[in-house]
Protein backbone atom coordinates (compact mmCIF):
# COMPACT_ATOMS: atom_id res chain seq x y z
CA MET A 1 6.67 -14.99 32.58
CA GLU A 2 8.46 -15.07 29.19
CA ASP A 3 8.23 -18.05 26.88
CA ASN A 4 11.80 -18.97 25.85
CA SER A 5 10.82 -22.05 23.90
CA GLN A 6 11.18 -20.28 20.53
CA SER A 7 14.79 -19.32 21.28
CA GLU A 8 15.87 -22.91 21.81
CA VAL A 9 17.89 -24.39 18.93
CA LEU A 10 16.63 -27.83 18.05
CA PRO A 11 19.16 -30.39 16.76
CA ASP A 12 19.04 -31.27 13.08
CA PRO A 13 17.20 -34.46 12.16
CA PRO A 14 19.62 -37.27 11.16
CA TRP A 15 18.97 -36.93 7.41
CA LEU A 16 19.71 -33.19 7.45
CA ALA A 17 22.80 -33.68 9.63
CA PHE A 18 24.08 -36.27 7.16
CA CYS A 19 23.48 -33.93 4.19
CA LYS A 20 25.39 -31.17 5.97
CA LEU A 21 28.19 -33.59 6.81
CA CYS A 22 28.52 -34.51 3.12
CA ARG A 23 28.50 -30.83 2.00
CA LEU A 24 25.61 -31.71 -0.29
CA PRO A 25 25.67 -28.41 -2.27
CA ASN A 26 29.25 -29.10 -3.41
CA LEU A 27 28.40 -32.60 -4.61
CA PHE A 28 27.19 -31.14 -7.89
CA THR A 29 30.70 -29.94 -8.72
CA ALA A 30 31.80 -33.59 -8.61
CA TRP A 31 28.94 -34.44 -10.95
CA ALA A 32 30.09 -31.69 -13.30
CA ASP A 33 33.54 -33.30 -13.49
CA ILE A 34 32.07 -36.70 -14.30
CA LEU A 35 29.63 -35.39 -16.89
CA ALA A 36 32.28 -33.25 -18.57
CA GLY A 37 34.78 -36.12 -18.67
CA PHE A 38 32.21 -38.57 -19.98
CA PHE A 39 30.78 -36.20 -22.59
CA VAL A 40 34.10 -35.12 -24.10
CA VAL A 41 35.33 -38.67 -24.67
CA SER A 42 31.91 -39.89 -25.81
CA PHE A 43 31.68 -37.18 -28.44
CA TYR A 44 34.67 -38.75 -30.18
CA SER A 45 32.42 -41.81 -30.64
CA SER A 46 29.40 -39.92 -31.93
CA GLU A 47 27.01 -42.83 -31.65
CA ARG A 48 27.24 -42.56 -27.86
CA LEU A 49 25.65 -39.09 -27.72
CA THR A 50 22.31 -39.52 -29.43
CA GLY A 51 20.06 -38.00 -26.78
CA LEU A 52 19.63 -37.25 -23.10
CA ASP A 53 18.91 -40.87 -22.16
CA PHE A 54 22.18 -41.33 -20.27
CA PRO A 55 23.53 -44.87 -20.39
CA VAL A 56 23.86 -47.10 -17.36
CA GLU A 57 27.64 -46.76 -17.25
CA LEU A 58 27.37 -42.99 -16.77
CA VAL A 59 24.95 -43.49 -13.89
CA CYS A 60 27.46 -45.86 -12.29
CA LEU A 61 30.23 -43.27 -12.60
CA VAL A 62 28.06 -40.51 -11.12
CA ILE A 63 27.14 -42.71 -8.17
CA ALA A 64 30.79 -43.71 -7.68
CA SER A 65 31.97 -40.11 -7.70
CA SER A 66 29.15 -39.06 -5.36
CA LEU A 67 30.01 -41.73 -2.82
CA ILE A 68 33.75 -41.01 -2.87
CA TYR A 69 33.29 -37.23 -2.70
CA SER A 70 30.78 -37.52 0.16
CA ALA A 71 33.06 -39.92 2.00
CA GLY A 72 35.84 -37.34 1.75
CA MET A 73 33.64 -34.68 3.32
CA VAL A 74 32.62 -37.02 6.14
CA LEU A 75 36.24 -37.97 6.83
CA ASN A 76 37.18 -34.29 6.79
CA ASP A 77 34.79 -33.59 9.65
CA TYR A 78 35.70 -36.81 11.46
CA TYR A 79 39.38 -35.92 11.65
CA ASP A 80 38.54 -32.28 12.46
CA ARG A 81 36.03 -33.17 15.17
CA GLU A 82 38.16 -31.86 18.07
CA ILE A 83 38.80 -28.52 16.35
CA ASP A 84 35.15 -28.26 15.33
CA ALA A 85 34.11 -28.89 18.93
CA GLN A 86 35.84 -25.61 19.82
CA GLN A 87 35.25 -23.49 16.71
CA ARG A 88 32.09 -24.95 15.08
CA PRO A 89 30.22 -26.88 17.78
CA ASP A 90 26.97 -26.81 15.77
CA ARG A 91 28.36 -29.14 13.09
CA PRO A 92 26.96 -32.71 12.96
CA ILE A 93 29.70 -34.61 14.79
CA PRO A 94 30.51 -32.20 17.66
CA SER A 95 26.80 -31.46 18.14
CA GLY A 96 26.10 -35.17 18.60
CA ALA A 97 23.69 -35.39 15.66
CA ILE A 98 25.98 -38.09 14.20
CA SER A 99 28.45 -40.01 16.34
CA ALA A 100 32.12 -40.10 15.39
CA PRO A 101 32.27 -43.95 15.08
CA ALA A 102 29.18 -43.92 12.86
CA ALA A 103 30.67 -41.20 10.65
CA LEU A 104 33.90 -43.17 10.25
CA SER A 105 32.06 -46.39 9.34
CA ILE A 106 29.81 -44.58 6.89
CA ALA A 107 32.76 -42.89 5.19
CA TYR A 108 34.79 -46.02 4.58
CA GLY A 109 31.69 -47.90 3.52
CA MET A 110 30.99 -45.23 0.92
CA LEU A 111 34.56 -45.42 -0.38
CA VAL A 112 34.29 -49.17 -0.92
CA ALA A 113 30.87 -48.84 -2.55
CA GLY A 114 32.15 -46.04 -4.79
CA CYS A 115 35.00 -48.19 -6.10
CA LEU A 116 32.61 -51.07 -6.77
CA PHE A 117 30.22 -48.83 -8.71
CA ALA A 118 33.12 -47.49 -10.80
CA LEU A 119 34.18 -51.05 -11.60
CA LEU A 120 30.59 -51.99 -12.40
CA GLY A 121 30.34 -49.11 -14.87
CA GLY A 122 33.08 -50.60 -17.02
CA TYR A 123 31.25 -53.91 -17.26
CA ALA A 124 27.68 -52.58 -17.58
CA TYR A 125 28.31 -52.24 -21.31
CA VAL A 126 31.66 -53.90 -21.72
CA ASP A 127 31.83 -53.08 -25.45
CA SER A 128 31.74 -49.36 -24.69
CA ALA A 129 35.07 -49.17 -22.87
CA ALA A 130 38.53 -49.91 -24.20
CA ILE A 131 39.64 -50.84 -20.66
CA PRO A 132 36.56 -51.95 -18.65
CA TRP A 133 38.42 -52.16 -15.34
CA ARG A 134 40.11 -48.76 -15.62
CA GLY A 135 37.30 -46.92 -13.81
CA GLY A 136 37.70 -49.18 -10.79
CA VAL A 137 41.45 -48.56 -10.65
CA VAL A 138 41.02 -44.79 -10.95
CA ALA A 139 38.36 -44.87 -8.21
CA VAL A 140 40.74 -46.74 -5.88
CA VAL A 141 43.51 -44.18 -6.50
CA LEU A 142 41.00 -41.35 -5.95
CA SER A 143 39.88 -42.95 -2.68
CA LEU A 144 43.48 -43.27 -1.48
CA CYS A 145 44.01 -39.55 -2.21
CA VAL A 146 40.88 -38.74 -0.19
CA ILE A 147 42.13 -40.77 2.79
CA ALA A 148 45.65 -39.34 2.54
CA TYR A 149 44.32 -35.79 2.56
CA ASP A 150 41.85 -36.13 5.42
CA ALA A 151 43.78 -38.47 7.70
CA VAL A 152 47.41 -37.48 7.20
CA LEU A 153 48.28 -34.53 4.96
CA LYS A 154 45.57 -31.92 5.54
CA ARG A 155 47.77 -29.62 7.60
CA THR A 156 50.93 -30.03 5.53
CA ALA A 157 52.20 -28.21 2.46
CA LEU A 158 51.17 -31.21 0.37
CA ALA A 159 47.49 -30.81 1.23
CA PRO A 160 46.50 -28.53 -1.68
CA TRP A 161 48.27 -30.81 -4.15
CA ILE A 162 46.48 -33.88 -2.83
CA MET A 163 43.16 -32.01 -3.05
CA GLY A 164 43.97 -31.08 -6.65
CA SER A 165 44.82 -34.72 -7.32
CA CYS A 166 41.34 -35.70 -6.15
CA ARG A 167 39.80 -33.46 -8.82
CA PHE A 168 42.31 -34.69 -11.40
CA PHE A 169 41.34 -38.30 -10.81
CA ASN A 170 37.64 -37.43 -10.66
CA ILE A 171 37.86 -36.04 -14.21
CA LEU A 172 39.81 -39.13 -15.28
CA LEU A 173 37.08 -41.26 -13.69
CA GLY A 174 34.55 -39.57 -15.96
CA MET A 175 36.81 -40.34 -18.93
CA SER A 176 37.62 -43.88 -17.82
CA LEU A 177 35.13 -45.63 -20.10
CA ALA A 178 36.45 -44.10 -23.33
CA GLN A 179 36.96 -46.27 -26.35
CA ASP A 180 40.35 -46.87 -27.98
CA LEU A 181 42.41 -43.79 -28.75
CA PRO A 182 42.81 -42.79 -32.41
CA PRO A 183 46.14 -43.85 -33.95
CA GLU A 184 47.15 -40.21 -34.45
CA ALA A 185 46.55 -39.24 -30.80
CA SER A 186 49.47 -37.56 -29.08
CA TRP A 187 51.46 -39.19 -26.28
CA GLN A 188 49.44 -41.08 -23.73
CA VAL A 189 49.54 -42.46 -20.18
CA PHE A 190 47.36 -45.44 -19.21
CA SER A 191 45.46 -44.83 -22.49
CA TYR A 192 44.69 -41.20 -21.60
CA ASP A 193 46.03 -38.92 -24.32
CA ALA A 194 47.58 -35.46 -23.93
CA GLY A 195 44.28 -33.62 -24.34
CA GLN A 196 42.55 -35.69 -21.68
CA LEU A 197 45.44 -35.25 -19.26
CA LEU A 198 45.61 -31.51 -19.92
CA PHE A 199 41.90 -31.10 -19.22
CA ALA A 200 42.08 -33.12 -16.00
CA GLY A 201 45.36 -31.49 -15.00
CA GLY A 202 43.98 -27.99 -15.56
CA ILE A 203 40.99 -28.63 -13.31
CA GLY A 204 43.28 -30.29 -10.75
CA LEU A 205 45.73 -27.37 -10.66
CA TYR A 206 42.85 -24.92 -10.42
CA ILE A 207 41.65 -26.74 -7.29
CA VAL A 208 45.19 -26.65 -5.87
CA GLY A 209 44.92 -22.87 -6.10
CA VAL A 210 41.45 -22.80 -4.56
CA THR A 211 42.70 -24.92 -1.66
CA TRP A 212 45.68 -22.62 -1.07
CA PHE A 213 43.30 -19.68 -1.10
CA ALA A 214 40.94 -21.34 1.39
CA ARG A 215 43.47 -22.65 3.92
CA THR A 216 42.86 -19.88 6.44
CA GLU A 217 39.45 -18.68 5.29
CA ALA A 218 38.04 -18.65 8.83
CA VAL A 219 40.73 -16.28 10.19
CA ALA A 220 42.89 -13.43 8.91
CA SER A 221 44.64 -14.77 5.81
CA ASP A 222 48.26 -14.48 4.74
CA GLN A 223 48.37 -12.20 1.71
CA ARG A 224 51.24 -14.15 0.17
CA MET A 225 49.26 -17.38 0.44
CA LEU A 226 46.28 -15.75 -1.24
CA ILE A 227 48.45 -14.47 -4.08
CA ALA A 228 49.98 -17.93 -4.53
CA GLY A 229 46.52 -19.47 -4.59
CA GLY A 230 45.34 -16.97 -7.18
CA LEU A 231 48.34 -17.64 -9.41
CA LEU A 232 47.79 -21.40 -9.21
CA MET A 233 44.13 -20.98 -10.18
CA LEU A 234 45.28 -18.88 -13.13
CA ALA A 235 47.81 -21.54 -14.14
CA GLY A 236 45.07 -24.20 -14.09
CA ILE A 237 42.87 -22.06 -16.31
CA GLY A 238 45.89 -21.58 -18.58
CA MET A 239 46.17 -25.35 -18.97
CA LEU A 240 42.56 -25.48 -20.12
CA ALA A 241 43.33 -22.71 -22.60
CA ALA A 242 46.21 -24.80 -23.97
CA LEU A 243 43.89 -27.59 -25.17
CA PRO A 244 43.89 -26.34 -28.79
CA LEU A 245 47.68 -26.77 -28.81
CA VAL A 246 47.61 -30.55 -28.22
CA GLN A 247 45.36 -31.60 -31.09
CA PRO A 248 44.64 -34.21 -32.36
CA SER A 249 43.13 -35.63 -29.20
CA VAL A 250 40.05 -37.46 -28.02
CA VAL A 251 39.15 -34.06 -26.54
CA THR A 252 38.62 -32.55 -30.00
CA LEU A 253 37.49 -28.92 -30.09
CA ALA A 254 34.86 -29.55 -32.74
CA GLN A 255 32.31 -26.89 -31.74
CA LEU A 256 34.45 -23.81 -30.98
CA THR A 257 37.52 -22.24 -32.51
CA PRO A 258 40.53 -21.76 -30.22
CA SER A 259 39.75 -18.04 -29.98
CA GLY A 260 36.16 -18.87 -29.03
CA LEU A 261 37.32 -21.10 -26.18
CA TRP A 262 39.85 -18.52 -25.01
CA GLY A 263 37.21 -15.79 -25.03
CA ILE A 264 34.86 -17.83 -22.84
CA LEU A 265 37.64 -18.71 -20.39
CA VAL A 266 38.65 -15.04 -20.12
CA LEU A 267 35.08 -13.92 -19.44
CA LEU A 268 34.61 -16.59 -16.78
CA SER A 269 37.92 -15.71 -15.16
CA LEU A 270 37.26 -11.97 -14.95
CA VAL A 271 34.37 -12.55 -12.54
CA LEU A 272 36.54 -14.70 -10.29
CA ALA A 273 39.54 -12.37 -10.60
CA ARG A 274 37.51 -9.46 -9.26
CA ARG A 275 36.60 -11.46 -6.15
CA ALA A 276 40.18 -12.62 -5.68
CA VAL A 277 41.62 -9.09 -5.91
CA ILE A 278 39.18 -7.87 -3.28
CA ALA A 279 40.14 -10.73 -0.98
CA ILE A 280 43.87 -10.14 -1.47
CA THR A 281 43.66 -6.39 -0.83
CA ARG A 282 41.10 -6.60 1.98
CA LEU A 283 42.01 -9.53 4.18
CA GLU A 284 38.73 -9.92 6.05
CA PRO A 285 37.63 -13.58 6.33
CA GLN A 286 34.31 -12.90 4.62
CA ASN A 287 36.07 -11.68 1.47
CA VAL A 288 38.19 -14.83 1.30
CA GLN A 289 35.16 -17.03 1.94
CA LEU A 290 33.19 -15.32 -0.84
CA THR A 291 36.09 -15.86 -3.24
CA VAL A 292 36.31 -19.55 -2.34
CA LYS A 293 32.57 -19.98 -2.88
CA GLN A 294 32.85 -18.18 -6.23
CA ALA A 295 35.79 -20.41 -7.22
CA ILE A 296 33.84 -23.57 -6.40
CA LEU A 297 30.88 -22.25 -8.35
CA SER A 298 33.14 -21.39 -11.30
CA LEU A 299 34.35 -24.97 -11.47
CA ILE A 300 31.03 -25.97 -13.02
CA PHE A 301 31.40 -23.22 -15.63
CA TYR A 302 34.93 -24.32 -16.56
CA ASP A 303 33.73 -27.91 -17.00
CA ALA A 304 30.84 -26.59 -19.09
CA ALA A 305 33.16 -24.41 -21.21
CA ILE A 306 35.30 -27.37 -22.28
CA THR A 307 32.17 -29.43 -22.90
CA LEU A 308 30.79 -26.63 -25.08
CA ALA A 309 33.99 -26.52 -27.12
CA VAL A 310 33.99 -30.27 -27.67
CA CYS A 311 30.35 -31.39 -27.68
CA GLY A 312 28.10 -28.39 -28.24
CA THR A 313 25.47 -26.38 -26.45
CA ILE A 314 23.03 -28.98 -25.13
CA TRP A 315 25.70 -30.94 -23.29
CA SER A 316 27.21 -27.78 -21.83
CA VAL A 317 23.78 -26.61 -20.65
CA THR A 318 23.26 -29.97 -18.96
CA ILE A 319 26.32 -29.26 -16.80
CA VAL A 320 25.41 -25.64 -16.11
CA ALA A 321 21.96 -26.81 -14.97
CA LEU A 322 23.67 -28.40 -11.95
CA LEU A 323 23.92 -24.88 -10.56
CA LEU A 324 20.18 -24.85 -9.82
CA PRO A 325 20.16 -27.54 -7.11
CA MET A 326 23.58 -26.40 -5.89
CA LEU A 327 22.47 -22.82 -5.29
CA GLY A 328 19.13 -23.94 -3.91
CA LEU A 329 20.75 -26.16 -1.30
CA ARG A 330 23.24 -23.45 -0.33
CA ARG A 331 20.36 -21.44 1.09
CA TRP A 332 20.01 -23.76 4.03
CA MET A 333 23.26 -25.65 4.50
CA TYR A 334 26.92 -24.67 4.45
CA SER A 335 29.26 -25.63 1.62
CA THR A 336 32.73 -24.91 3.11
């Protein structure tokens, strides 16, 4: 008589199910946004970057971003639970590893906690920030974008733009504890100058393109949608390349010349462009999925490239190092 016990699939333990629900590998891209935003505005006040002993306010911002990002992933699966029950029944909610009411409570609890941590960061060292409460306000707006995307707009034409807005505000959250802008800074909104907004906007538009590209990654994709997504990613990268044109700014390119920054952005983009062309010309789902994974991975490199141009090598390497846990975790849990 055959022993079938080895063929049985055991349910994930609760901690592993929760990590999968939060898309833990992708969490490090949110950290990259926060670190890049914090580093580039701190470099303007050179006394802030004296070593790798990160201040308490940065820890608060990283925790805030982590909680809000993870809450967004949980809400994504909560509102997709009926579809997942048919197409991906092994995921935490449809498999029963985590109940739907528990997932909903956890998600909204994390959003509230994330906003409180962002507010706390501004008051941890109140002398460090020109507007101590700004991080809390940005975190609230970011949380509202997360809820709007998952609960209401995910299947509308606005969905990619809301997703890009989440990344935009995540970068601004990292920059939220900046000191006063220099008198010569270009036009500003809510005490973010043109360079800061261009950096955040470039990353945000890039993610709009990634989201367009990924909308039908599990089935045969529309070639026109893939082309549109690719062009939007390119436009976001173009905004990053335009940073030298809006100087002076808090985001001062002190470590690289404009041509140096452009060269790095081109090299990074060639790798992604190759993947995108393959996906557009060969519409198999696996090609689209590989491009989306490459685009998410590249986000860390784009954050690191701007950090290199503004702050120097050690701070850029700190961001690139986030790839190690990200790639390690991808070996045993999904990221899309």
